[in-house]
Amino acid sequence: MPIPPLKLSEEVEKRLLIWLVDELTLAEFEFADRDEKALKYERMYDAEPERKIKTFPWYKASNLVAPLAGIMVDAIYSRLMNTLWGVEPFWTVRARNAAWVELAEHVQQFLEWVQEERLKLYAAMRHWVMETIKVGLGAFNLPWRTVRKRYPREGGGVKERVVYDGPAIEPIPWTDFYYRGIPRVIDDPPWVGYRVRMSWEELKRWEASGYLYDVERVKDTAKAYYSEVEQRRAETQHRQPITPEYYELFVVQCGFDVDGDGVAEELVVVVSKDAPALLRVDGNRYEHGERTLHIGTYFPREHSLAGVGVMQMLEPLQDAMTALLNQTIDNATAANTLLLKARKGSGVKQGTRIFPMKVFELDDPERDLIGMRLGEVYPSSFNLIAMMRDMSERRVGVSDYNLGRESPIVRYAATATSTLALLQESGRRFDTTLREMRYVMRKVGMQVLQLYSQFKPR
């Protein structure tokens, strides 16, 4: 049976709705520049220029983007994913004393079955890991989900079936994650939430399953809009999206004073800011008593919920390297371009075509027609590009050995001992991020056990 929502008085519901709409409006204002930044990060990763044709210093000048971000992110993602999922079992359970050794082994086997067969953890977490690396903050929700679907019966009628009943990991895009203030951990802010977009059919299905109530109140708030980030993601799949109609809701986990005693109670609210309307209000129904939203950071920033991502680290360096790369190519183009200086009356006219074996009949070939180059190739340009690359590798902690190539400095003089020492040292930066992610995964494993003990104790 669906879990009934929390019953609040009309006055409390009104206060809660006004507070949430105000808070969400302010949060959207605070994060107003995030979509623009996300779009730039997508282009950085794909090494795609902002304009298809560059007109400076001349039409169709070099318009490449140095693929630093893509190189670094791919190397780090592969390293982290292979390390996290390279060892089985994913979660290790240790007994605190000898009496629990056998039980610990069974719990470990159970958790391994859950992560492989129920959570589908690898498929779910790859989005979280990639976004954590890119932007420094990855978020996901870990609720208990009961999914019901309806099927037509032979001869008429409808049959409802529970197709899934268990914990679910739901990655949240960075651009849909909201909070206020400057929190340090996920339980610090007065509220934290995320945006979801649903079609009308999805809303009715969630209403039929008992999760949402009275969705007719939001029927007139349909939007037909794709953000630039969403359009960009569609274009990378070689398709032009036809903008669908959808309904924008926010799922908010917050503290709010329900009974008027001055102490906030934990709530989970589904709210439409456009209607405005509360579609569901729950207390924290989980016995573990924690919020179900989890976040991970690539590299921590002190006293902040969000961390520092590879894109933020590389943004100025990739821009500088892109400028140097294009200047070098344009300079080479100019150096390979030959101008001709001709004496008046020599017979060489403006617009004369030049091609191999072209013959000019001149009175004085040495003086009547002289070649002139537009520029020179400067070796210092290549040194500057190499310097930018080295700075980028140091900033994100990626070395030649992490990229699977031999160091250009030591080359063949490297010994096995020195190479192993360098590999160990280069891994220390990744160890910090791995500890951050393993800390989150440890909490996930504990919450999964707590959820099963609450909803399926036998």
Protein backbone atom coordinates (compact mmCIF):
# COMPACT_ATOMS: atom_id res chain seq x y z
CA MET A 1 0.00 0.00 0.00
CA PRO A 2 1.25 3.54 -0.74
CA ILE A 3 2.52 5.44 2.28
CA PRO A 4 0.06 8.27 3.05
CA PRO A 5 1.45 11.81 3.10
CA LEU A 6 1.82 13.89 6.23
CA LYS A 7 -1.36 15.72 7.15
CA LEU A 8 -0.77 19.40 7.89
CA SER A 9 -3.20 22.13 8.77
CA GLU A 10 -4.16 24.58 6.07
CA GLU A 11 -2.30 27.39 7.85
CA VAL A 12 0.93 25.35 8.14
CA GLU A 13 0.72 24.25 4.49
CA LYS A 14 0.31 27.86 3.42
CA ARG A 15 3.33 28.97 5.46
CA LEU A 16 5.40 26.08 4.11
CA LEU A 17 4.43 26.82 0.49
CA ILE A 18 5.21 30.54 0.74
CA TRP A 19 8.58 29.84 2.39
CA LEU A 20 9.60 27.22 -0.19
CA VAL A 21 8.59 29.34 -3.20
CA ASP A 22 10.56 32.30 -1.82
CA GLU A 23 13.61 30.13 -1.05
CA LEU A 24 13.58 28.41 -4.45
CA THR A 25 13.24 31.75 -6.25
CA LEU A 26 16.26 33.11 -4.36
CA ALA A 27 18.23 29.91 -5.04
CA GLU A 28 17.54 30.13 -8.78
CA PHE A 29 18.77 33.72 -8.68
CA GLU A 30 21.96 32.68 -6.82
CA PHE A 31 22.66 29.94 -9.37
CA ALA A 32 21.67 32.05 -12.40
CA ASP A 33 25.13 31.81 -14.01
CA ARG A 34 25.45 28.06 -13.56
CA ASP A 35 23.90 27.04 -16.90
CA GLU A 36 26.29 29.34 -18.75
CA LYS A 37 29.25 27.86 -16.89
CA ALA A 38 28.00 24.31 -17.51
CA LEU A 39 27.71 25.05 -21.23
CA LYS A 40 31.30 26.28 -21.32
CA TYR A 41 32.48 23.17 -19.46
CA GLU A 42 30.71 20.96 -22.01
CA ARG A 43 32.49 22.77 -24.84
CA MET A 44 35.81 22.56 -23.01
CA TYR A 45 35.44 18.80 -22.63
CA ASP A 46 34.48 18.31 -26.28
CA ALA A 47 37.14 20.82 -27.45
CA GLU A 48 34.50 22.69 -29.42
CA PRO A 49 34.95 26.39 -30.24
CA GLU A 50 32.27 28.92 -29.35
CA ARG A 51 31.96 30.00 -33.01
CA LYS A 52 32.15 27.62 -35.96
CA ILE A 53 34.09 30.08 -38.14
CA LYS A 54 36.69 32.46 -36.76
CA THR A 55 37.09 35.79 -38.55
CA PHE A 56 40.15 37.19 -36.73
CA PRO A 57 42.89 37.78 -37.74
CA TRP A 58 41.37 36.68 -41.06
CA TYR A 59 38.37 34.75 -42.30
CA LYS A 60 38.59 31.05 -41.40
CA ALA A 61 41.63 31.54 -39.18
CA SER A 62 42.70 28.64 -36.97
CA ASN A 63 39.80 27.80 -34.65
CA LEU A 64 41.01 24.80 -32.67
CA VAL A 65 40.45 24.26 -28.95
CA ALA A 66 43.22 22.61 -26.98
CA PRO A 67 41.67 19.33 -25.68
CA LEU A 68 43.26 19.58 -22.22
CA ALA A 69 40.04 19.03 -20.30
CA GLY A 70 39.02 15.95 -22.29
CA ILE A 71 42.46 14.36 -21.92
CA MET A 72 42.63 14.96 -18.17
CA VAL A 73 39.02 14.08 -17.35
CA ASP A 74 39.13 10.82 -19.33
CA ALA A 75 42.36 9.74 -17.64
CA ILE A 76 41.05 10.56 -14.14
CA TYR A 77 37.64 8.97 -14.76
CA SER A 78 39.21 5.74 -15.99
CA ARG A 79 41.58 5.66 -13.03
CA LEU A 80 38.84 6.24 -10.43
CA MET A 81 36.25 3.89 -11.93
CA ASN A 82 38.76 1.07 -12.37
CA THR A 83 39.99 1.54 -8.82
CA LEU A 84 36.52 1.72 -7.26
CA TRP A 85 35.13 -1.27 -9.16
CA GLY A 86 38.36 -3.18 -9.68
CA VAL A 87 38.06 -5.05 -6.38
CA GLU A 88 35.33 -7.48 -5.38
CA PRO A 89 33.33 -7.33 -3.24
CA PHE A 90 32.52 -3.63 -3.58
CA TRP A 91 31.67 -3.34 0.12
CA THR A 92 33.67 -5.21 2.74
CA VAL A 93 31.97 -6.06 6.04
CA ARG A 94 34.18 -6.70 9.08
CA ALA A 95 33.01 -8.23 12.32
CA ARG A 96 33.71 -6.34 15.54
CA ASN A 97 34.20 -9.58 17.44
CA ALA A 98 34.52 -13.29 16.72
CA ALA A 99 30.83 -14.01 17.36
CA TRP A 100 29.79 -11.96 14.32
CA VAL A 101 32.27 -13.31 11.77
CA GLU A 102 29.84 -15.65 10.02
CA LEU A 103 27.05 -13.06 9.99
CA ALA A 104 29.42 -10.43 8.57
CA GLU A 105 30.22 -12.74 5.65
CA HIS A 106 26.50 -13.19 4.90
CA VAL A 107 25.86 -9.44 5.11
CA GLN A 108 28.76 -8.83 2.72
CA GLN A 109 27.34 -11.32 0.21
CA PHE A 110 23.92 -9.69 0.54
CA LEU A 111 25.34 -6.20 -0.11
CA GLU A 112 27.21 -7.46 -3.16
CA TRP A 113 23.97 -8.92 -4.55
CA VAL A 114 22.15 -5.65 -3.87
CA GLN A 115 24.72 -3.49 -5.63
CA GLU A 116 24.88 -5.76 -8.67
CA GLU A 117 21.27 -6.86 -9.11
CA ARG A 118 19.15 -4.18 -7.43
CA LEU A 119 21.02 -0.88 -7.36
CA LYS A 120 22.90 -1.53 -10.64
CA LEU A 121 25.55 0.55 -8.91
CA TYR A 122 28.11 0.77 -11.71
CA ALA A 123 25.62 2.09 -14.26
CA ALA A 124 24.11 4.54 -11.77
CA MET A 125 27.34 5.91 -10.34
CA ARG A 126 29.28 6.54 -13.54
CA HIS A 127 27.26 9.73 -14.10
CA TRP A 128 27.98 10.80 -10.52
CA VAL A 129 31.72 10.09 -10.82
CA MET A 130 32.04 11.93 -14.14
CA GLU A 131 30.19 15.01 -12.89
CA THR A 132 32.14 15.03 -9.64
CA ILE A 133 35.39 15.07 -11.61
CA LYS A 134 34.23 17.75 -14.03
CA VAL A 135 32.57 20.31 -11.76
CA GLY A 136 33.76 19.26 -8.30
CA LEU A 137 30.28 18.40 -6.99
CA GLY A 138 28.21 15.31 -7.74
CA ALA A 139 24.85 14.62 -6.09
CA PHE A 140 22.46 11.70 -5.96
CA ASN A 141 19.39 10.62 -4.03
CA LEU A 142 19.04 7.28 -2.20
CA PRO A 143 15.37 6.71 -1.36
CA TRP A 144 13.33 3.54 -1.01
CA ARG A 145 11.27 3.29 -4.17
CA THR A 146 8.15 1.23 -4.79
CA VAL A 147 7.35 1.35 -8.51
CA ARG A 148 3.95 0.17 -9.65
CA LYS A 149 2.88 -0.28 -13.24
CA ARG A 150 -0.52 -1.05 -14.70
CA TYR A 151 -1.15 -3.58 -17.43
CA PRO A 152 -4.33 -4.34 -19.38
CA ARG A 153 -5.99 -7.66 -18.62
CA GLU A 154 -7.22 -10.02 -21.24
CA GLY A 155 -10.93 -9.55 -21.55
CA GLY A 156 -10.84 -6.06 -20.06
CA GLY A 157 -9.79 -4.36 -16.88
CA VAL A 158 -6.39 -3.35 -15.56
CA LYS A 159 -3.90 -5.19 -13.37
CA GLU A 160 -1.43 -3.32 -11.17
CA ARG A 161 1.94 -4.89 -10.47
CA VAL A 162 4.88 -3.86 -8.29
CA VAL A 163 7.87 -3.99 -10.64
CA TYR A 164 10.45 -2.71 -8.16
CA ASP A 165 10.53 -2.41 -4.40
CA GLY A 166 13.89 -1.44 -2.96
CA PRO A 167 16.55 1.24 -2.64
CA ALA A 168 17.32 3.30 -5.71
CA ILE A 169 20.25 5.53 -6.64
CA GLU A 170 19.10 8.55 -8.63
CA PRO A 171 21.94 10.78 -9.93
CA ILE A 172 21.08 14.50 -9.94
CA PRO A 173 22.52 16.77 -12.64
CA TRP A 174 24.68 19.57 -11.28
CA THR A 175 22.46 22.18 -12.95
CA ASP A 176 19.37 20.82 -11.13
CA PHE A 177 20.85 20.77 -7.61
CA TYR A 178 19.95 23.67 -5.29
CA TYR A 179 20.69 24.87 -1.76
CA ARG A 180 21.06 28.16 0.09
CA GLY A 181 23.81 29.64 2.21
CA ILE A 182 27.37 28.35 2.52
CA PRO A 183 26.92 24.87 4.04
CA ARG A 184 29.79 22.52 4.80
CA VAL A 185 27.91 19.19 4.83
CA ILE A 186 24.62 18.04 3.35
CA ASP A 187 22.77 18.33 6.71
CA ASP A 188 23.90 21.93 7.33
CA PRO A 189 21.58 23.98 5.10
CA PRO A 190 17.96 24.62 6.15
CA TRP A 191 16.99 22.95 2.92
CA VAL A 192 18.54 21.17 -0.02
CA GLY A 193 16.73 19.97 -3.12
CA TYR A 194 16.70 19.27 -6.80
CA ARG A 195 14.60 20.00 -9.86
CA VAL A 196 12.78 17.29 -11.79
CA ARG A 197 10.95 17.56 -15.08
CA MET A 198 8.04 15.25 -15.82
CA SER A 199 5.60 14.78 -18.65
CA TRP A 200 1.89 14.82 -17.89
CA GLU A 201 1.80 11.03 -18.29
CA GLU A 202 4.56 10.65 -15.69
CA LEU A 203 2.72 12.93 -13.27
CA LYS A 204 -0.47 10.89 -13.63
CA ARG A 205 1.43 7.65 -13.16
CA TRP A 206 3.03 8.93 -9.94
CA GLU A 207 -0.40 10.09 -8.81
CA ALA A 208 -1.88 6.67 -9.53
CA SER A 209 0.93 5.04 -7.52
CA GLY A 210 0.03 7.20 -4.51
CA TYR A 211 3.22 9.25 -4.44
CA LEU A 212 1.78 12.56 -5.73
CA TYR A 213 -1.64 14.02 -4.99
CA ASP A 214 -4.02 16.23 -6.97
CA VAL A 215 -1.67 16.89 -9.91
CA GLU A 216 -4.50 18.67 -11.78
CA ARG A 217 -3.44 21.79 -9.88
CA VAL A 218 -0.29 22.07 -12.03
CA LYS A 219 -1.83 21.21 -15.40
CA ASP A 220 -1.70 24.81 -16.65
CA THR A 221 2.03 25.23 -15.84
CA ALA A 222 3.47 23.18 -18.71
CA LYS A 223 6.70 24.50 -20.22
CA ALA A 224 8.26 23.88 -23.61
CA TYR A 225 11.89 24.74 -23.15
CA TYR A 226 15.34 23.19 -23.40
CA SER A 227 18.28 24.86 -21.72
CA GLU A 228 21.41 25.45 -23.80
CA VAL A 229 23.14 22.68 -21.85
CA GLU A 230 20.38 20.19 -22.70
CA GLN A 231 20.42 21.24 -26.35
CA ARG A 232 24.19 20.83 -26.38
CA ARG A 233 23.92 17.30 -24.94
CA ALA A 234 21.35 16.40 -27.59
CA GLU A 235 23.62 17.72 -30.34
CA THR A 236 26.48 15.51 -29.15
CA GLN A 237 24.14 12.58 -29.88
CA HIS A 238 23.68 13.93 -33.44
CA ARG A 239 20.03 14.80 -33.01
CA GLN A 240 18.01 17.98 -33.01
CA PRO A 241 15.62 17.76 -30.06
CA ILE A 242 11.98 18.71 -30.53
CA THR A 243 11.13 20.59 -27.37
CA PRO A 244 8.56 18.60 -25.37
CA GLU A 245 6.04 19.86 -22.87
CA TYR A 246 7.04 19.16 -19.32
CA TYR A 247 6.18 20.13 -15.76
CA GLU A 248 8.84 21.46 -13.43
CA LEU A 249 8.79 20.27 -9.82
CA PHE A 250 11.24 20.54 -6.95
CA VAL A 251 11.94 17.81 -4.40
CA VAL A 252 13.11 19.54 -1.23
CA GLN A 253 14.47 18.04 1.98
CA CYS A 254 14.17 20.73 4.62
CA GLY A 255 13.78 21.64 8.24
CA PHE A 256 10.51 23.50 8.96
CA ASP A 257 8.68 24.28 12.18
CA VAL A 258 5.42 22.38 11.78
CA ASP A 259 4.02 22.46 15.32
CA GLY A 260 4.99 26.02 16.23
CA ASP A 261 7.37 25.14 19.06
CA GLY A 262 10.30 26.98 17.45
CA VAL A 263 12.18 23.77 16.55
CA ALA A 264 12.29 22.67 12.92
CA GLU A 265 11.12 19.19 11.94
CA GLU A 266 12.61 17.35 8.95
CA LEU A 267 10.32 17.22 5.92
CA VAL A 268 10.47 15.95 2.34
CA VAL A 269 8.32 18.11 0.07
CA VAL A 270 7.41 17.93 -3.62
CA VAL A 271 6.47 21.43 -4.71
CA SER A 272 5.53 23.19 -7.94
CA LYS A 273 6.89 26.73 -7.88
CA ASP A 274 4.93 27.70 -10.99
CA ALA A 275 1.45 26.67 -9.73
CA PRO A 276 2.31 27.18 -6.79
CA ALA A 277 1.23 23.97 -5.03
CA LEU A 278 2.43 21.28 -2.64
CA LEU A 279 2.05 17.88 -4.31
CA ARG A 280 3.33 15.88 -1.36
CA VAL A 281 4.60 16.50 2.16
CA ASP A 282 6.30 13.77 4.18
CA GLY A 283 8.13 13.64 7.43
CA ASN A 284 11.49 11.88 7.32
CA ARG A 285 10.05 8.36 7.19
CA TYR A 286 13.44 6.67 7.31
CA GLU A 287 14.59 5.23 10.60
CA HIS A 288 18.21 6.15 9.93
CA GLY A 289 17.03 9.77 10.41
CA GLU A 290 19.33 11.23 7.75
CA ARG A 291 18.67 13.06 4.53
CA THR A 292 18.75 10.79 1.53
CA LEU A 293 20.73 13.22 -0.64
CA HIS A 294 24.44 12.47 -0.91
CA ILE A 295 27.19 14.56 -2.46
CA GLY A 296 30.79 13.92 -3.43
CA THR A 297 33.61 16.33 -4.24
CA TYR A 298 36.62 15.93 -6.51
CA PHE A 299 38.95 18.08 -4.43
CA PRO A 300 37.64 19.69 -1.24
CA ARG A 301 37.31 23.41 -0.71
CA GLU A 302 37.55 24.43 2.92
CA HIS A 303 34.28 25.26 4.72
CA SER A 304 32.22 24.64 1.61
CA LEU A 305 29.75 22.01 0.44
CA ALA A 306 31.05 22.18 -3.15
CA GLY A 307 34.57 21.19 -4.13
CA VAL A 308 36.88 22.15 -6.96
CA GLY A 309 36.51 20.29 -10.25
CA VAL A 310 38.93 19.65 -13.08
CA MET A 311 37.11 22.11 -15.36
CA GLN A 312 37.52 24.94 -12.89
CA MET A 313 41.19 24.06 -12.44
CA LEU A 314 41.87 23.94 -16.17
CA GLU A 315 39.64 26.74 -17.47
CA PRO A 316 42.27 29.54 -17.54
CA LEU A 317 45.04 27.18 -18.63
CA GLN A 318 43.02 25.67 -21.47
CA ASP A 319 42.00 29.16 -22.64
CA ALA A 320 45.65 30.24 -22.64
CA MET A 321 46.81 27.09 -24.42
CA THR A 322 44.02 27.45 -27.00
CA ALA A 323 45.13 31.02 -27.76
CA LEU A 324 48.77 29.94 -28.07
CA LEU A 325 47.87 26.99 -30.29
CA ASN A 326 45.81 29.11 -32.69
CA GLN A 327 48.42 31.86 -32.77
CA THR A 328 51.11 29.30 -33.60
CA ILE A 329 49.05 27.78 -36.43
CA ASP A 330 48.09 31.22 -37.80
CA ASN A 331 51.73 32.27 -37.61
CA ALA A 332 52.77 29.14 -39.54
CA THR A 333 50.09 29.91 -42.13
CA ALA A 334 51.42 33.45 -42.46
CA ALA A 335 55.02 32.19 -42.67
CA ASN A 336 54.04 29.82 -45.48
CA THR A 337 52.25 32.59 -47.37
CA LEU A 338 54.43 34.28 -50.00
CA LEU A 339 53.78 37.83 -51.15
CA LEU A 340 55.21 39.18 -54.41
CA LYS A 341 56.63 42.65 -54.85
CA ALA A 342 56.66 43.63 -58.55
CA ARG A 343 58.15 46.75 -60.22
CA LYS A 344 55.64 48.93 -62.02
CA GLY A 345 55.68 48.21 -65.72
CA SER A 346 57.26 44.78 -65.23
CA GLY A 347 54.26 43.06 -66.79
CA VAL A 348 53.11 41.36 -63.56
CA LYS A 349 49.56 42.51 -62.84
CA GLN A 350 47.35 42.36 -59.75
CA GLY A 351 45.45 39.04 -59.61
CA THR A 352 47.95 37.12 -61.73
CA ARG A 353 47.56 33.43 -60.93
CA ILE A 354 50.63 31.54 -59.72
CA PHE A 355 51.09 27.81 -60.11
CA PRO A 356 53.98 25.33 -60.49
CA MET A 357 56.06 25.94 -63.68
CA LYS A 358 54.56 29.44 -64.07
CA VAL A 359 56.94 31.56 -66.17
CA PHE A 360 57.26 35.35 -65.84
CA GLU A 361 59.07 37.12 -68.67
CA LEU A 362 60.88 40.02 -67.00
CA ASP A 363 63.61 42.48 -68.06
CA ASP A 364 65.40 42.12 -64.71
CA PRO A 365 64.18 39.01 -62.82
CA GLU A 366 66.32 39.81 -59.75
CA ARG A 367 64.70 43.21 -59.22
CA ASP A 368 61.38 43.18 -61.08
CA LEU A 369 59.79 40.41 -58.92
CA ILE A 370 60.76 39.78 -55.29
CA GLY A 371 59.15 37.33 -52.83
CA MET A 372 58.29 38.42 -49.28
CA ARG A 373 57.05 36.28 -46.37
CA LEU A 374 54.33 37.50 -44.00
CA GLY A 375 55.87 36.01 -40.85
CA GLU A 376 58.34 33.67 -39.24
CA VAL A 377 57.92 30.46 -37.23
CA TYR A 378 59.01 31.11 -33.65
CA PRO A 379 60.30 28.07 -31.69
CA SER A 380 59.34 29.82 -28.43
CA SER A 381 55.66 29.18 -29.25
CA PHE A 382 56.18 25.43 -28.90
CA ASN A 383 57.99 25.97 -25.59
CA LEU A 384 55.07 28.03 -24.27
CA ILE A 385 52.56 25.34 -25.29
CA ALA A 386 54.66 22.70 -23.53
CA MET A 387 54.80 24.91 -20.43
CA MET A 388 50.99 25.27 -20.42
CA ARG A 389 50.64 21.49 -20.73
CA ASP A 390 53.02 20.89 -17.82
CA MET A 391 51.20 23.42 -15.64
CA SER A 392 47.87 21.74 -16.44
CA GLU A 393 49.19 18.31 -15.51
CA ARG A 394 50.54 19.61 -12.23
CA ARG A 395 47.30 21.42 -11.42
CA VAL A 396 45.08 18.36 -11.75
CA GLY A 397 47.66 15.79 -10.64
CA VAL A 398 47.98 13.90 -13.93
CA SER A 399 51.47 12.88 -15.01
CA ASP A 400 52.95 11.17 -18.06
CA TYR A 401 52.76 7.82 -16.27
CA ASN A 402 49.04 8.30 -15.52
CA LEU A 403 48.49 8.86 -19.24
CA GLY A 404 50.37 5.66 -20.11
CA ARG A 405 53.40 7.30 -21.67
CA GLU A 406 57.05 7.55 -20.78
CA SER A 407 58.32 10.77 -19.25
CA PRO A 408 60.02 12.92 -21.93
CA ILE A 409 62.55 14.07 -19.33
CA VAL A 410 64.05 10.78 -18.16
CA ARG A 411 63.22 8.78 -21.31
CA TYR A 412 65.28 5.58 -21.49
CA ALA A 413 67.41 6.48 -18.46
CA ALA A 414 64.56 5.60 -16.05
CA THR A 415 65.05 2.56 -13.81
CA ALA A 416 62.29 0.26 -12.61
CA THR A 417 62.74 1.45 -9.02
CA SER A 418 62.55 5.16 -9.88
CA THR A 419 59.56 4.62 -12.18
CA LEU A 420 57.70 2.72 -9.44
CA ALA A 421 58.46 5.49 -6.95
CA LEU A 422 57.12 8.10 -9.39
CA LEU A 423 53.96 6.06 -9.96
CA GLN A 424 53.36 5.80 -6.22
CA GLU A 425 53.91 9.51 -5.75
CA SER A 426 51.61 10.44 -8.67
CA GLY A 427 48.88 8.28 -7.13
CA ARG A 428 48.72 10.30 -3.92
CA ARG A 429 46.59 13.01 -5.53
CA PHE A 430 44.09 10.41 -6.72
CA ASP A 431 44.09 8.77 -3.30
CA THR A 432 42.60 11.95 -1.82
CA THR A 433 39.68 11.90 -4.27
CA LEU A 434 39.26 8.14 -3.81
CA ARG A 435 38.95 8.59 -0.06
CA GLU A 436 36.27 11.23 -0.63
CA MET A 437 34.31 8.88 -2.87
CA ARG A 438 34.82 5.84 -0.67
CA TYR A 439 33.56 7.83 2.30
CA VAL A 440 30.34 8.54 0.39
CA MET A 441 30.05 4.91 -0.74
CA ARG A 442 30.53 3.72 2.83
CA LYS A 443 27.56 5.84 3.90
CA VAL A 444 25.56 4.46 0.96
CA GLY A 445 26.29 0.87 2.01
CA MET A 446 25.18 1.61 5.57
CA GLN A 447 21.99 3.33 4.44
CA VAL A 448 21.16 0.44 2.11
CA LEU A 449 21.34 -1.97 5.04
CA GLN A 450 19.23 0.35 7.19
CA LEU A 451 16.61 0.68 4.46
CA TYR A 452 16.33 -3.09 4.05
CA SER A 453 16.10 -3.59 7.80
CA GLN A 454 13.24 -1.08 7.91
CA PHE A 455 11.20 -2.05 4.83
CA LYS A 456 12.17 -5.70 4.33
CA PRO A 457 13.44 -7.02 7.65
CA ARG A 458 12.79 -10.63 6.60
